[in-house]
Amino acid sequence: MAFLSSIDIIGSGFTAQHLRMDVISENVTNMNTTRTADGETGAYRRKVVVFQAEEGRNSFREALAAARNGQVSNRSGIRTAGVRVVGIEEDPSDFKLKYDPDDPDANEDGYVELPNVDLVKEVADAMSASQSYSANVTAFNLLKNVVSAALEMGR
C-alpha cells in the first residue's frame, strides 16, 4: 500500500526534527559552560544535526530484479524515501573570548573561552525545527483524511 510509505516519510521527518530540537536544547543549556564533564577547562562546542535526503525509489533494474525473484509484494527490498540523520557534528567556529583574569578558567593572558553558542541563532534554528515539525503534522493529518475518505468510499 502506497500510503504506508508516506507514513514512513512523515515519520522520518518527525524523528529528525525531534532530534534537532534535542540538540538545540543541549546547546542552549550549555551556552555558559566553560568546563568539560571531567572538570577540565574547555568551553562547550555547539553541535549541529546533519541530515541527508533519502530518495526512496528503486531503480528500474532493482524493481525488475525483485519482480523476477517474486518479491513484488514484499516491502523489505523497497527503499523508503524521507530524511535520515547522518550525524551530529561540532560547529568549528571560534570560541568567544571574555577578559576576566580573576576567573579560574582564564588562560595565562586573562581571557576565558566561552562556548560558540549564539542564543539568537539557536532560537532561529528552534523556530525552523518547530515549523518543520508542524509541516509534518499537517502532512500526517492530510494523509489521515485521505485514507479515511478512501475507506468511506469503500463502504
N, C-alpha and C. Protein backbone atom coordinates (compact mmCIF):
# COMPACT_ATOMS: atom_id res chain seq x y z
N MET A 1 0.84 -1.17 0.00
CA MET A 1 0.00 0.00 0.00
C MET A 1 0.88 1.24 0.00
N ALA A 2 0.62 2.12 -0.94
CA ALA A 2 1.46 3.30 -1.13
C ALA A 2 1.40 4.26 0.05
N PHE A 3 0.27 4.33 0.74
CA PHE A 3 0.18 5.30 1.83
C PHE A 3 1.08 4.92 3.00
N LEU A 4 1.46 3.65 3.09
CA LEU A 4 2.37 3.25 4.17
C LEU A 4 3.75 3.87 3.98
N SER A 5 4.20 3.99 2.73
CA SER A 5 5.48 4.66 2.52
C SER A 5 5.38 6.14 2.85
N SER A 6 4.20 6.73 2.64
CA SER A 6 4.00 8.13 3.04
C SER A 6 4.12 8.29 4.54
N ILE A 7 3.59 7.33 5.28
CA ILE A 7 3.71 7.37 6.74
C ILE A 7 5.18 7.25 7.14
N ASP A 8 5.93 6.40 6.45
CA ASP A 8 7.36 6.27 6.74
C ASP A 8 8.11 7.59 6.50
N ILE A 9 7.76 8.27 5.42
CA ILE A 9 8.40 9.54 5.10
C ILE A 9 8.10 10.58 6.19
N ILE A 10 6.85 10.69 6.55
CA ILE A 10 6.45 11.65 7.58
C ILE A 10 7.09 11.29 8.92
N GLY A 11 7.14 10.01 9.23
CA GLY A 11 7.76 9.57 10.49
C GLY A 11 9.24 9.89 10.54
N SER A 12 9.93 9.77 9.41
CA SER A 12 11.36 10.12 9.40
C SER A 12 11.54 11.61 9.65
N GLY A 13 10.61 12.42 9.15
CA GLY A 13 10.66 13.87 9.41
C GLY A 13 10.43 14.18 10.88
N PHE A 14 9.44 13.49 11.49
CA PHE A 14 9.20 13.67 12.93
C PHE A 14 10.45 13.35 13.73
N THR A 15 11.06 12.22 13.44
CA THR A 15 12.23 11.77 14.19
C THR A 15 13.40 12.75 14.01
N ALA A 16 13.64 13.19 12.79
CA ALA A 16 14.76 14.09 12.52
C ALA A 16 14.58 15.43 13.22
N GLN A 17 13.39 16.00 13.15
CA GLN A 17 13.17 17.31 13.76
C GLN A 17 13.16 17.22 15.29
N HIS A 18 12.70 16.09 15.83
CA HIS A 18 12.74 15.90 17.28
C HIS A 18 14.19 15.86 17.76
N LEU A 19 15.04 15.15 17.05
CA LEU A 19 16.46 15.10 17.41
C LEU A 19 17.09 16.48 17.28
N ARG A 20 16.72 17.19 16.24
CA ARG A 20 17.24 18.55 16.05
C ARG A 20 16.88 19.45 17.23
N MET A 21 15.64 19.36 17.71
CA MET A 21 15.22 20.15 18.87
C MET A 21 15.99 19.74 20.13
N ASP A 22 16.27 18.45 20.28
CA ASP A 22 17.05 17.98 21.43
C ASP A 22 18.46 18.57 21.41
N VAL A 23 19.08 18.61 20.24
CA VAL A 23 20.44 19.16 20.12
C VAL A 23 20.43 20.67 20.37
N ILE A 24 19.42 21.36 19.87
CA ILE A 24 19.30 22.80 20.13
C ILE A 24 19.15 23.05 21.62
N SER A 25 18.34 22.23 22.29
CA SER A 25 18.17 22.38 23.74
C SER A 25 19.49 22.17 24.48
N GLU A 26 20.26 21.19 24.04
CA GLU A 26 21.57 20.94 24.65
C GLU A 26 22.48 22.15 24.46
N ASN A 27 22.46 22.75 23.27
CA ASN A 27 23.29 23.92 23.00
C ASN A 27 22.91 25.08 23.92
N VAL A 28 21.62 25.35 24.05
CA VAL A 28 21.17 26.46 24.89
C VAL A 28 21.50 26.19 26.35
N THR A 29 21.33 24.96 26.78
CA THR A 29 21.64 24.60 28.16
C THR A 29 23.11 24.83 28.49
N ASN A 30 23.98 24.59 27.54
CA ASN A 30 25.42 24.69 27.77
C ASN A 30 26.05 25.98 27.26
N MET A 31 25.25 27.01 27.02
CA MET A 31 25.80 28.23 26.43
C MET A 31 26.74 29.00 27.36
N ASN A 32 26.80 28.64 28.64
CA ASN A 32 27.73 29.27 29.57
C ASN A 32 28.72 28.28 30.17
N THR A 33 28.80 27.09 29.61
CA THR A 33 29.65 26.03 30.15
C THR A 33 31.09 26.24 29.70
N THR A 34 31.99 26.36 30.69
CA THR A 34 33.40 26.58 30.37
C THR A 34 34.29 25.42 30.83
N ARG A 35 33.67 24.35 31.29
CA ARG A 35 34.42 23.17 31.71
C ARG A 35 33.78 21.92 31.11
N THR A 36 34.61 20.93 30.87
CA THR A 36 34.11 19.66 30.35
C THR A 36 33.49 18.85 31.49
N ALA A 37 32.90 17.74 31.15
CA ALA A 37 32.28 16.87 32.16
C ALA A 37 33.31 16.33 33.15
N ASP A 38 34.58 16.24 32.72
CA ASP A 38 35.65 15.75 33.60
C ASP A 38 36.13 16.82 34.57
N GLY A 39 35.67 18.07 34.40
CA GLY A 39 36.13 19.15 35.23
C GLY A 39 37.32 19.89 34.64
N GLU A 40 37.74 19.49 33.45
CA GLU A 40 38.86 20.15 32.78
C GLU A 40 38.38 21.47 32.16
N THR A 41 39.31 22.40 32.00
CA THR A 41 38.98 23.67 31.36
C THR A 41 38.79 23.42 29.87
N GLY A 42 37.72 23.94 29.35
CA GLY A 42 37.42 23.79 27.92
C GLY A 42 35.96 24.14 27.67
N ALA A 43 35.73 25.12 26.82
CA ALA A 43 34.37 25.58 26.55
C ALA A 43 33.58 24.53 25.76
N TYR A 44 32.28 24.57 25.97
CA TYR A 44 31.36 23.70 25.22
C TYR A 44 31.38 24.14 23.76
N ARG A 45 31.37 23.19 22.85
CA ARG A 45 31.31 23.49 21.42
C ARG A 45 29.92 23.16 20.90
N ARG A 46 29.32 24.13 20.23
CA ARG A 46 27.98 24.00 19.67
C ARG A 46 27.90 22.78 18.76
N LYS A 47 26.75 22.09 18.81
CA LYS A 47 26.52 20.92 17.96
C LYS A 47 25.41 21.22 16.96
N VAL A 48 25.53 20.61 15.78
CA VAL A 48 24.52 20.74 14.74
C VAL A 48 24.19 19.36 14.18
N VAL A 49 22.95 19.17 13.80
CA VAL A 49 22.49 17.90 13.22
C VAL A 49 22.64 17.98 11.71
N VAL A 50 23.16 16.91 11.12
CA VAL A 50 23.35 16.84 9.67
C VAL A 50 22.35 15.84 9.11
N PHE A 51 21.52 16.32 8.17
CA PHE A 51 20.50 15.49 7.54
C PHE A 51 20.94 15.08 6.15
N GLN A 52 20.33 13.98 5.68
CA GLN A 52 20.55 13.54 4.30
C GLN A 52 19.20 13.08 3.76
N ALA A 53 18.89 13.50 2.54
CA ALA A 53 17.65 13.08 1.90
C ALA A 53 17.79 11.64 1.44
N GLU A 54 16.75 10.87 1.63
CA GLU A 54 16.68 9.50 1.13
C GLU A 54 15.73 9.52 -0.06
N GLU A 55 16.24 9.11 -1.21
CA GLU A 55 15.44 9.16 -2.43
C GLU A 55 14.24 8.23 -2.36
N GLY A 56 14.47 7.01 -1.96
CA GLY A 56 13.38 6.09 -1.73
C GLY A 56 12.88 5.31 -2.92
N ARG A 57 13.24 5.70 -4.10
CA ARG A 57 12.76 4.95 -5.26
C ARG A 57 13.83 3.97 -5.69
N ASN A 58 13.39 2.78 -5.95
CA ASN A 58 14.30 1.80 -6.51
C ASN A 58 14.46 2.07 -7.99
N SER A 59 15.60 1.78 -8.51
CA SER A 59 15.79 1.93 -9.94
C SER A 59 14.96 0.86 -10.65
N PHE A 60 14.77 1.07 -11.94
CA PHE A 60 14.00 0.10 -12.72
C PHE A 60 14.67 -1.27 -12.66
N ARG A 61 15.99 -1.27 -12.71
CA ARG A 61 16.74 -2.53 -12.67
C ARG A 61 16.48 -3.27 -11.35
N GLU A 62 16.47 -2.53 -10.23
CA GLU A 62 16.21 -3.16 -8.93
C GLU A 62 14.78 -3.69 -8.84
N ALA A 63 13.83 -2.90 -9.37
CA ALA A 63 12.43 -3.34 -9.36
C ALA A 63 12.23 -4.57 -10.22
N LEU A 64 12.88 -4.62 -11.38
CA LEU A 64 12.78 -5.77 -12.27
C LEU A 64 13.40 -7.01 -11.61
N ALA A 65 14.54 -6.85 -10.98
CA ALA A 65 15.17 -7.98 -10.29
C ALA A 65 14.29 -8.49 -9.16
N ALA A 66 13.65 -7.59 -8.43
CA ALA A 66 12.76 -8.00 -7.35
C ALA A 66 11.54 -8.74 -7.91
N ALA A 67 11.02 -8.28 -9.05
CA ALA A 67 9.87 -8.93 -9.66
C ALA A 67 10.23 -10.33 -10.16
N ARG A 68 11.43 -10.49 -10.71
CA ARG A 68 11.88 -11.80 -11.16
C ARG A 68 12.00 -12.80 -10.01
N ASN A 69 12.37 -12.27 -8.86
CA ASN A 69 12.53 -13.13 -7.68
C ASN A 69 11.23 -13.31 -6.91
N GLY A 70 10.14 -12.77 -7.45
CA GLY A 70 8.84 -12.93 -6.80
C GLY A 70 8.67 -12.05 -5.57
N GLN A 71 9.38 -10.94 -5.50
CA GLN A 71 9.31 -10.07 -4.33
C GLN A 71 8.50 -8.81 -4.59
N VAL A 72 7.57 -8.86 -5.50
CA VAL A 72 6.82 -7.66 -5.85
C VAL A 72 6.00 -7.15 -4.68
N SER A 73 5.40 -8.05 -3.91
CA SER A 73 4.56 -7.61 -2.81
C SER A 73 5.34 -7.48 -1.50
N ASN A 74 6.60 -7.86 -1.50
CA ASN A 74 7.40 -7.80 -0.29
C ASN A 74 8.02 -6.41 -0.16
N ARG A 75 7.75 -5.70 0.93
CA ARG A 75 8.24 -4.35 1.12
C ARG A 75 9.68 -4.32 1.63
N SER A 76 10.22 -5.42 2.05
CA SER A 76 11.54 -5.40 2.68
C SER A 76 12.64 -4.94 1.73
N GLY A 77 12.48 -5.15 0.44
CA GLY A 77 13.51 -4.76 -0.51
C GLY A 77 13.34 -3.35 -1.03
N ILE A 78 12.28 -2.67 -0.65
CA ILE A 78 12.00 -1.35 -1.17
C ILE A 78 12.57 -0.29 -0.24
N ARG A 79 13.36 0.62 -0.81
CA ARG A 79 13.88 1.72 -0.02
C ARG A 79 12.79 2.74 0.20
N THR A 80 12.72 3.27 1.40
CA THR A 80 11.72 4.26 1.72
C THR A 80 12.33 5.65 1.65
N ALA A 81 11.59 6.58 1.06
CA ALA A 81 12.05 7.96 0.99
C ALA A 81 11.91 8.62 2.36
N GLY A 82 12.52 9.75 2.49
CA GLY A 82 12.43 10.51 3.73
C GLY A 82 13.72 11.24 4.02
N VAL A 83 13.96 11.42 5.30
CA VAL A 83 15.18 12.09 5.73
C VAL A 83 15.89 11.19 6.73
N ARG A 84 17.20 11.25 6.70
CA ARG A 84 17.99 10.42 7.60
C ARG A 84 19.00 11.32 8.29
N VAL A 85 19.20 11.10 9.58
CA VAL A 85 20.22 11.85 10.31
C VAL A 85 21.56 11.16 10.06
N VAL A 86 22.48 11.90 9.44
CA VAL A 86 23.79 11.37 9.13
C VAL A 86 24.70 11.44 10.35
N GLY A 87 24.53 12.48 11.15
CA GLY A 87 25.35 12.61 12.34
C GLY A 87 25.11 13.91 13.05
N ILE A 88 25.75 14.03 14.19
CA ILE A 88 25.73 15.27 14.96
C ILE A 88 27.18 15.74 15.01
N GLU A 89 27.42 16.90 14.42
CA GLU A 89 28.78 17.41 14.32
C GLU A 89 28.95 18.66 15.17
N GLU A 90 30.20 18.93 15.52
CA GLU A 90 30.50 20.13 16.28
C GLU A 90 30.74 21.30 15.34
N ASP A 91 30.25 22.46 15.73
CA ASP A 91 30.44 23.69 14.95
C ASP A 91 31.90 24.13 15.09
N PRO A 92 32.62 24.28 13.98
CA PRO A 92 34.04 24.62 14.07
C PRO A 92 34.32 26.10 14.30
N SER A 93 33.29 26.93 14.45
CA SER A 93 33.53 28.36 14.62
C SER A 93 34.30 28.65 15.91
N ASP A 94 34.94 29.81 15.96
CA ASP A 94 35.79 30.17 17.09
C ASP A 94 34.96 30.40 18.36
N PHE A 95 35.61 30.15 19.49
CA PHE A 95 35.00 30.45 20.78
C PHE A 95 35.00 31.96 21.00
N LYS A 96 34.07 32.42 21.83
CA LYS A 96 34.07 33.83 22.22
C LYS A 96 35.09 33.99 23.35
N LEU A 97 35.73 35.12 23.40
CA LEU A 97 36.70 35.39 24.46
C LEU A 97 36.19 36.52 25.35
N LYS A 98 36.35 36.33 26.66
CA LYS A 98 35.96 37.36 27.62
C LYS A 98 37.15 37.59 28.54
N TYR A 99 37.47 38.85 28.72
CA TYR A 99 38.60 39.18 29.60
C TYR A 99 38.12 39.17 31.05
N ASP A 100 38.65 38.24 31.82
CA ASP A 100 38.32 38.12 33.24
C ASP A 100 39.46 37.37 33.92
N PRO A 101 40.53 38.10 34.29
CA PRO A 101 41.70 37.42 34.85
C PRO A 101 41.43 36.75 36.20
N ASP A 102 40.34 37.11 36.87
CA ASP A 102 40.02 36.50 38.17
C ASP A 102 39.28 35.18 38.04
N ASP A 103 38.81 34.87 36.86
CA ASP A 103 38.08 33.61 36.64
C ASP A 103 39.06 32.44 36.69
N PRO A 104 38.71 31.36 37.40
CA PRO A 104 39.62 30.22 37.46
C PRO A 104 39.84 29.54 36.11
N ASP A 105 38.97 29.77 35.15
CA ASP A 105 39.11 29.17 33.82
C ASP A 105 39.88 30.06 32.85
N ALA A 106 40.37 31.22 33.33
CA ALA A 106 41.09 32.15 32.45
C ALA A 106 42.44 31.56 32.06
N ASN A 107 42.86 31.88 30.82
CA ASN A 107 44.18 31.43 30.37
C ASN A 107 45.25 32.38 30.91
N GLU A 108 46.49 32.18 30.50
CA GLU A 108 47.59 32.98 31.04
C GLU A 108 47.49 34.46 30.67
N ASP A 109 46.71 34.80 29.62
CA ASP A 109 46.50 36.20 29.24
C ASP A 109 45.30 36.82 29.93
N GLY A 110 44.57 36.03 30.72
CA GLY A 110 43.41 36.54 31.44
C GLY A 110 42.09 36.41 30.70
N TYR A 111 42.09 35.68 29.59
CA TYR A 111 40.87 35.51 28.79
C TYR A 111 40.23 34.15 29.09
N VAL A 112 38.90 34.17 29.15
CA VAL A 112 38.12 32.95 29.35
C VAL A 112 37.46 32.60 28.01
N GLU A 113 37.62 31.36 27.58
CA GLU A 113 36.94 30.92 26.36
C GLU A 113 35.51 30.57 26.71
N LEU A 114 34.57 31.20 26.00
CA LEU A 114 33.14 30.93 26.18
C LEU A 114 32.65 30.11 25.00
N PRO A 115 31.60 29.32 25.19
CA PRO A 115 31.09 28.49 24.09
C PRO A 115 30.73 29.31 22.86
N ASN A 116 30.78 28.68 21.71
CA ASN A 116 30.44 29.32 20.44
C ASN A 116 28.94 29.24 20.15
N VAL A 117 28.15 29.25 21.20
CA VAL A 117 26.69 29.17 21.08
C VAL A 117 26.13 30.58 21.08
N ASP A 118 25.35 30.89 20.04
CA ASP A 118 24.69 32.19 19.92
C ASP A 118 23.19 31.96 20.13
N LEU A 119 22.63 32.59 21.16
CA LEU A 119 21.23 32.36 21.50
C LEU A 119 20.29 32.72 20.36
N VAL A 120 20.59 33.80 19.64
CA VAL A 120 19.72 34.21 18.52
C VAL A 120 19.70 33.12 17.45
N LYS A 121 20.87 32.57 17.15
CA LYS A 121 20.96 31.51 16.15
C LYS A 121 20.20 30.26 16.61
N GLU A 122 20.32 29.93 17.89
CA GLU A 122 19.63 28.75 18.43
C GLU A 122 18.12 28.93 18.40
N VAL A 123 17.65 30.14 18.74
CA VAL A 123 16.20 30.40 18.70
C VAL A 123 15.69 30.31 17.26
N ALA A 124 16.45 30.86 16.31
CA ALA A 124 16.05 30.77 14.90
C ALA A 124 16.01 29.31 14.45
N ASP A 125 17.02 28.52 14.84
CA ASP A 125 17.03 27.09 14.49
C ASP A 125 15.85 26.36 15.13
N ALA A 126 15.54 26.71 16.38
CA ALA A 126 14.41 26.08 17.07
C ALA A 126 13.09 26.41 16.38
N MET A 127 12.96 27.66 15.93
CA MET A 127 11.73 28.05 15.21
C MET A 127 11.63 27.28 13.89
N SER A 128 12.75 27.12 13.20
CA SER A 128 12.76 26.38 11.95
C SER A 128 12.39 24.91 12.18
N ALA A 129 12.97 24.31 13.22
CA ALA A 129 12.66 22.91 13.53
C ALA A 129 11.20 22.75 13.92
N SER A 130 10.67 23.72 14.67
CA SER A 130 9.27 23.67 15.07
C SER A 130 8.34 23.77 13.86
N GLN A 131 8.67 24.66 12.93
CA GLN A 131 7.87 24.80 11.71
C GLN A 131 7.93 23.53 10.86
N SER A 132 9.10 22.92 10.79
CA SER A 132 9.24 21.67 10.04
C SER A 132 8.43 20.56 10.68
N TYR A 133 8.47 20.50 12.00
CA TYR A 133 7.69 19.50 12.73
C TYR A 133 6.19 19.72 12.48
N SER A 134 5.77 20.99 12.51
CA SER A 134 4.36 21.32 12.24
C SER A 134 3.95 20.94 10.82
N ALA A 135 4.86 21.11 9.87
CA ALA A 135 4.56 20.72 8.49
C ALA A 135 4.35 19.21 8.41
N ASN A 136 5.13 18.46 9.17
CA ASN A 136 4.95 17.01 9.20
C ASN A 136 3.61 16.63 9.83
N VAL A 137 3.20 17.36 10.86
CA VAL A 137 1.88 17.12 11.48
C VAL A 137 0.78 17.38 10.47
N THR A 138 0.91 18.47 9.72
CA THR A 138 -0.09 18.80 8.69
C THR A 138 -0.14 17.71 7.62
N ALA A 139 1.01 17.26 7.17
CA ALA A 139 1.05 16.20 6.16
C ALA A 139 0.43 14.91 6.70
N PHE A 140 0.70 14.59 7.95
CA PHE A 140 0.13 13.38 8.54
C PHE A 140 -1.39 13.49 8.64
N ASN A 141 -1.89 14.64 9.08
CA ASN A 141 -3.35 14.83 9.17
C ASN A 141 -4.01 14.77 7.80
N LEU A 142 -3.35 15.33 6.79
CA LEU A 142 -3.89 15.26 5.43
C LEU A 142 -3.95 13.82 4.95
N LEU A 143 -2.88 13.07 5.19
CA LEU A 143 -2.86 11.66 4.80
C LEU A 143 -3.95 10.88 5.54
N LYS A 144 -4.12 11.17 6.80
CA LYS A 144 -5.16 10.51 7.60
C LYS A 144 -6.55 10.79 7.01
N ASN A 145 -6.80 12.04 6.59
CA ASN A 145 -8.09 12.40 6.00
C ASN A 145 -8.30 11.70 4.66
N VAL A 146 -7.23 11.60 3.85
CA VAL A 146 -7.33 10.93 2.55
C VAL A 146 -7.64 9.45 2.74
N VAL A 147 -6.95 8.81 3.67
CA VAL A 147 -7.18 7.39 3.92
C VAL A 147 -8.60 7.17 4.46
N SER A 148 -9.04 8.07 5.35
CA SER A 148 -10.39 7.95 5.90
C SER A 148 -11.44 8.11 4.80
N ALA A 149 -11.23 9.06 3.89
CA ALA A 149 -12.17 9.25 2.79
C ALA A 149 -12.18 8.04 1.86
N ALA A 150 -11.03 7.46 1.64
CA ALA A 150 -10.96 6.26 0.79
C ALA A 150 -11.70 5.10 1.42
N LEU A 151 -11.58 4.96 2.73
CA LEU A 151 -12.29 3.89 3.42
C LEU A 151 -13.80 4.12 3.40
N GLU A 152 -14.22 5.39 3.45
CA GLU A 152 -15.64 5.70 3.36
C GLU A 152 -16.20 5.35 1.98
N MET A 153 -15.40 5.56 0.94
CA MET A 153 -15.85 5.21 -0.42
C MET A 153 -16.01 3.72 -0.57
N GLY A 154 -15.21 2.97 0.16
CA GLY A 154 -15.26 1.52 0.05
C GLY A 154 -16.45 0.89 0.75
N ARG A 155 -17.18 1.65 1.51
CA ARG A 155 -18.35 1.09 2.22
C ARG A 155 -19.46 0.73 1.31
